[in-house]
Structure formats: structure tokens, C-alpha cells
Amino acid sequence: QVQLVESGGGLVQPGGSLRLSCVVSGSTVSNNNMGWFRQAPGKEREYLATISWSGRSTWYADSVKGRFTLSRDNAKNTVYLQMDSLKPEDTAVYYCAVATVKALGYVPPSEYDTWGRGTQVTISS
């Protein structure tokens, strides 16, 4: 059974940085796209970014483009989300997920079928 565990969340001031990690166990995901989502209180889940199986292709939502960077280490079955220039509106629970497809560029949210439990990110002074 595939399990995803996110870590690296916390409380940081506006303008600060965090790096989230997502470790996958129970299966290799080196042939799958991986993605990150977030959900703030009272809001719908927001699709943030995806990275291809090789790590060479990424897609970012406009809300995080230029500030967030995805990377992956398939040898460690781990995906990373580097978040810079953080804003209060980035406050949310962040989730990683495994896609059922192997693709370049954008992957529809409906293609993700396995999720972690999330890690809280709070941006506040």
C-alpha cells in the first residue's frame, strides 16, 4: 500500500522560506508524476504544481509561479517543494499526491489518486 508523508511545515514570517518534503513508501513512484496541493480554511483545495517522473518537466499555478520550486529524488522516493517569498495568503495545509499518469507539463487534478495527510504552513508576523 502506497503511503505519502509530508513534512517541513511550520510558522514563518512573510517573505520567508520553507522546504516541504514528501516521502513515499510502499511502492516506487519513479514512473509517476507527483503533485502538491493546498487547502486553506473555508476554501477549496488548490492545485499548485506537478513534476514529471524524471523531474525534468514541471508546471506551476500562477499563484505560486516564480516563488515555489519542485524537485524530486527518485532514489529516495521523495519530492520537495521549495517555497520562497512566502505570503500570508500561502497559509494552508499542504498535501502531496501521486498521479496515475506519466506526463510532461500539466496533469489534471483528477489524475491524482493517492494523497498524504498534509502539513500545516502558517505565514504570519
C-alpha atoms as a PDB file:
ATOM      1  CA  GLN A   1       0.000   0.000   0.000  1.00  0.00           C
ATOM      2  CA  VAL A   2       1.421   3.361  -1.033  1.00  0.00           C
ATOM      3  CA  GLN A   3       1.780   5.925   1.749  1.00  0.00           C
ATOM      4  CA  LEU A   4       2.824   9.548   1.477  1.00  0.00           C
ATOM      5  CA  VAL A   5       4.108  11.552   4.423  1.00  0.00           C
ATOM      6  CA  GLU A   6       4.619  15.299   4.192  1.00  0.00           C
ATOM      7  CA  SER A   7       6.911  17.233   6.489  1.00  0.00           C
ATOM      8  CA  GLY A   8       8.617  20.599   6.747  1.00  0.00           C
ATOM      9  CA  GLY A   9       5.665  22.797   7.514  1.00  0.00           C
ATOM     10  CA  GLY A  10       5.683  25.406  10.221  1.00  0.00           C
ATOM     11  CA  LEU A  11       5.298  29.055  11.106  1.00  0.00           C
ATOM     12  CA  VAL A  12       7.364  31.611   9.217  1.00  0.00           C
ATOM     13  CA  GLN A  13       7.223  35.350   8.705  1.00  0.00           C
ATOM     14  CA  PRO A  14       6.146  36.898   5.424  1.00  0.00           C
ATOM     15  CA  GLY A  15       8.992  36.874   2.960  1.00  0.00           C
ATOM     16  CA  GLY A  16      10.476  33.760   4.499  1.00  0.00           C
ATOM     17  CA  SER A  17      11.066  30.298   3.067  1.00  0.00           C
ATOM     18  CA  LEU A  18      10.181  26.713   3.802  1.00  0.00           C
ATOM     19  CA  ARG A  19      11.016  23.429   2.133  1.00  0.00           C
ATOM     20  CA  LEU A  20       8.393  20.734   2.252  1.00  0.00           C
ATOM     21  CA  SER A  21       9.238  17.089   1.749  1.00  0.00           C
ATOM     22  CA  CYS A  22       7.016  14.226   0.698  1.00  0.00           C
ATOM     23  CA  VAL A  23       8.342  10.739   1.294  1.00  0.00           C
ATOM     24  CA  VAL A  24       6.640   7.855  -0.461  1.00  0.00           C
ATOM     25  CA  SER A  25       6.696   4.332   0.934  1.00  0.00           C
ATOM     26  CA  GLY A  26       5.159   1.063  -0.106  1.00  0.00           C
ATOM     27  CA  SER A  27       5.927   1.483  -3.774  1.00  0.00           C
ATOM     28  CA  THR A  28       8.248   3.249  -6.128  1.00  0.00           C
ATOM     29  CA  VAL A  29       6.847   6.297  -7.862  1.00  0.00           C
ATOM     30  CA  SER A  30       9.713   6.866 -10.245  1.00  0.00           C
ATOM     31  CA  ASN A  31       7.290   6.348 -13.154  1.00  0.00           C
ATOM     32  CA  ASN A  32       4.625   8.693 -11.857  1.00  0.00           C
ATOM     33  CA  ASN A  33       4.066  12.404 -11.801  1.00  0.00           C
ATOM     34  CA  MET A  34       3.847  13.897  -8.333  1.00  0.00           C
ATOM     35  CA  GLY A  35       1.926  16.982  -7.325  1.00  0.00           C
ATOM     36  CA  TRP A  36       1.324  19.416  -4.494  1.00  0.00           C
ATOM     37  CA  PHE A  37      -1.961  20.902  -3.414  1.00  0.00           C
ATOM     38  CA  ARG A  38      -3.072  23.109  -0.549  1.00  0.00           C
ATOM     39  CA  GLN A  39      -6.269  23.883   1.253  1.00  0.00           C
ATOM     40  CA  ALA A  40      -6.892  26.920   3.402  1.00  0.00           C
ATOM     41  CA  PRO A  41      -9.744  27.066   5.937  1.00  0.00           C
ATOM     42  CA  GLY A  42     -13.049  27.678   4.218  1.00  0.00           C
ATOM     43  CA  LYS A  43     -11.539  27.385   0.755  1.00  0.00           C
ATOM     44  CA  GLU A  44     -11.428  24.709  -1.909  1.00  0.00           C
ATOM     45  CA  ARG A  45      -8.338  22.647  -2.467  1.00  0.00           C
ATOM     46  CA  GLU A  46      -5.927  24.432  -4.790  1.00  0.00           C
ATOM     47  CA  TYR A  47      -3.658  22.627  -7.240  1.00  0.00           C
ATOM     48  CA  LEU A  48      -0.197  24.157  -7.025  1.00  0.00           C
ATOM     49  CA  ALA A  49       2.328  22.220  -9.049  1.00  0.00           C
ATOM     50  CA  THR A  50       3.322  18.973 -10.669  1.00  0.00           C
ATOM     51  CA  ILE A  51       6.638  17.369 -11.551  1.00  0.00           C
ATOM     52  CA  SER A  52       7.195  14.676 -14.147  1.00  0.00           C
ATOM     53  CA  TRP A  53       8.570  11.233 -13.364  1.00  0.00           C
ATOM     54  CA  SER A  54      12.052  12.307 -14.486  1.00  0.00           C
ATOM     55  CA  GLY A  55      11.951  15.649 -12.724  1.00  0.00           C
ATOM     56  CA  ARG A  56      12.705  17.463 -15.964  1.00  0.00           C
ATOM     57  CA  SER A  57       9.243  18.891 -16.506  1.00  0.00           C
ATOM     58  CA  THR A  58       7.224  20.983 -14.096  1.00  0.00           C
ATOM     59  CA  TRP A  59       4.034  23.015 -14.091  1.00  0.00           C
ATOM     60  CA  TYR A  60       3.045  25.679 -11.572  1.00  0.00           C
ATOM     61  CA  ALA A  61      -0.156  27.517 -10.828  1.00  0.00           C
ATOM     62  CA  ASP A  62       0.031  31.259 -11.384  1.00  0.00           C
ATOM     63  CA  SER A  63      -0.379  31.869  -7.657  1.00  0.00           C
ATOM     64  CA  VAL A  64       2.988  30.248  -6.903  1.00  0.00           C
ATOM     65  CA  LYS A  65       4.924  30.536 -10.156  1.00  0.00           C
ATOM     66  CA  GLY A  66       8.312  32.125  -9.603  1.00  0.00           C
ATOM     67  CA  ARG A  67       8.152  31.565  -5.842  1.00  0.00           C
ATOM     68  CA  PHE A  68       7.787  27.788  -5.485  1.00  0.00           C
ATOM     69  CA  THR A  69      10.101  25.157  -6.956  1.00  0.00           C
ATOM     70  CA  LEU A  70       9.518  21.439  -7.247  1.00  0.00           C
ATOM     71  CA  SER A  71      12.213  18.802  -7.312  1.00  0.00           C
ATOM     72  CA  ARG A  72      12.396  15.071  -6.741  1.00  0.00           C
ATOM     73  CA  ASP A  73      14.895  12.419  -5.784  1.00  0.00           C
ATOM     74  CA  ASN A  74      13.660   9.111  -7.134  1.00  0.00           C
ATOM     75  CA  ALA A  75      16.413   7.201  -5.340  1.00  0.00           C
ATOM     76  CA  LYS A  76      14.899   8.437  -2.078  1.00  0.00           C
ATOM     77  CA  ASN A  77      11.284   8.266  -3.291  1.00  0.00           C
ATOM     78  CA  THR A  78      10.977  11.880  -2.183  1.00  0.00           C
ATOM     79  CA  VAL A  79       9.552  15.054  -3.685  1.00  0.00           C
ATOM     80  CA  TYR A  80      10.429  18.509  -2.430  1.00  0.00           C
ATOM     81  CA  LEU A  81       8.581  21.816  -2.602  1.00  0.00           C
ATOM     82  CA  GLN A  82      10.828  24.809  -2.007  1.00  0.00           C
ATOM     83  CA  MET A  83       8.687  27.799  -1.088  1.00  0.00           C
ATOM     84  CA  ASP A  84      10.224  31.274  -1.141  1.00  0.00           C
ATOM     85  CA  SER A  85       8.866  34.795  -0.722  1.00  0.00           C
ATOM     86  CA  LEU A  86       6.023  33.416   1.326  1.00  0.00           C
ATOM     87  CA  LYS A  87       2.886  35.484   1.837  1.00  0.00           C
ATOM     88  CA  PRO A  88       0.116  35.316   4.442  1.00  0.00           C
ATOM     89  CA  GLU A  89      -2.209  34.009   1.746  1.00  0.00           C
ATOM     90  CA  ASP A  90       0.033  30.944   1.410  1.00  0.00           C
ATOM     91  CA  THR A  91      -1.226  29.795   4.803  1.00  0.00           C
ATOM     92  CA  ALA A  92      -2.834  26.389   4.331  1.00  0.00           C
ATOM     93  CA  VAL A  93      -2.433  22.666   4.799  1.00  0.00           C
ATOM     94  CA  TYR A  94      -0.171  21.379   2.045  1.00  0.00           C
ATOM     95  CA  TYR A  95      -0.637  17.935   0.533  1.00  0.00           C
ATOM     96  CA  CYS A  96       1.405  15.877  -1.867  1.00  0.00           C
ATOM     97  CA  ALA A  97      -0.138  13.326  -4.173  1.00  0.00           C
ATOM     98  CA  VAL A  98       0.776  10.665  -6.709  1.00  0.00           C
ATOM     99  CA  ALA A  99      -0.656  10.820 -10.196  1.00  0.00           C
ATOM    100  CA  THR A 100      -1.787   7.779 -12.127  1.00  0.00           C
ATOM    101  CA  VAL A 101      -0.095   9.082 -15.241  1.00  0.00           C
ATOM    102  CA  LYS A 102       3.357   9.714 -16.588  1.00  0.00           C
ATOM    103  CA  ALA A 103       3.296  13.023 -18.412  1.00  0.00           C
ATOM    104  CA  LEU A 104       5.107  16.214 -19.277  1.00  0.00           C
ATOM    105  CA  GLY A 105       3.659  19.524 -18.219  1.00  0.00           C
ATOM    106  CA  TYR A 106       0.214  19.936 -16.697  1.00  0.00           C
ATOM    107  CA  VAL A 107      -1.566  16.939 -15.209  1.00  0.00           C
ATOM    108  CA  PRO A 108      -5.259  17.335 -14.342  1.00  0.00           C
ATOM    109  CA  PRO A 109      -6.095  17.133 -10.632  1.00  0.00           C
ATOM    110  CA  SER A 110      -8.426  14.234 -11.385  1.00  0.00           C
ATOM    111  CA  GLU A 111      -5.389  12.098 -12.250  1.00  0.00           C
ATOM    112  CA  TYR A 112      -4.136  12.036  -8.643  1.00  0.00           C
ATOM    113  CA  ASP A 113      -5.309   9.079  -6.628  1.00  0.00           C
ATOM    114  CA  THR A 114      -3.081   8.772  -3.561  1.00  0.00           C
ATOM    115  CA  TRP A 115      -2.648  11.557  -1.004  1.00  0.00           C
ATOM    116  CA  GLY A 116      -0.698  12.317   2.102  1.00  0.00           C
ATOM    117  CA  ARG A 117      -2.238  13.676   5.289  1.00  0.00           C
ATOM    118  CA  GLY A 118      -0.772  17.123   4.874  1.00  0.00           C
ATOM    119  CA  THR A 119       1.493  19.520   6.706  1.00  0.00           C
ATOM    120  CA  GLN A 120       0.436  22.895   8.083  1.00  0.00           C
ATOM    121  CA  VAL A 121       2.103  26.028   6.739  1.00  0.00           C
ATOM    122  CA  THR A 122       1.384  29.308   8.502  1.00  0.00           C
ATOM    123  CA  ILE A 123       2.717  32.630   7.297  1.00  0.00           C
ATOM    124  CA  SER A 124       2.349  35.341   9.879  1.00  0.00           C
ATOM    125  CA  SER A 125       4.303  38.089  11.563  1.00  0.00           C
END
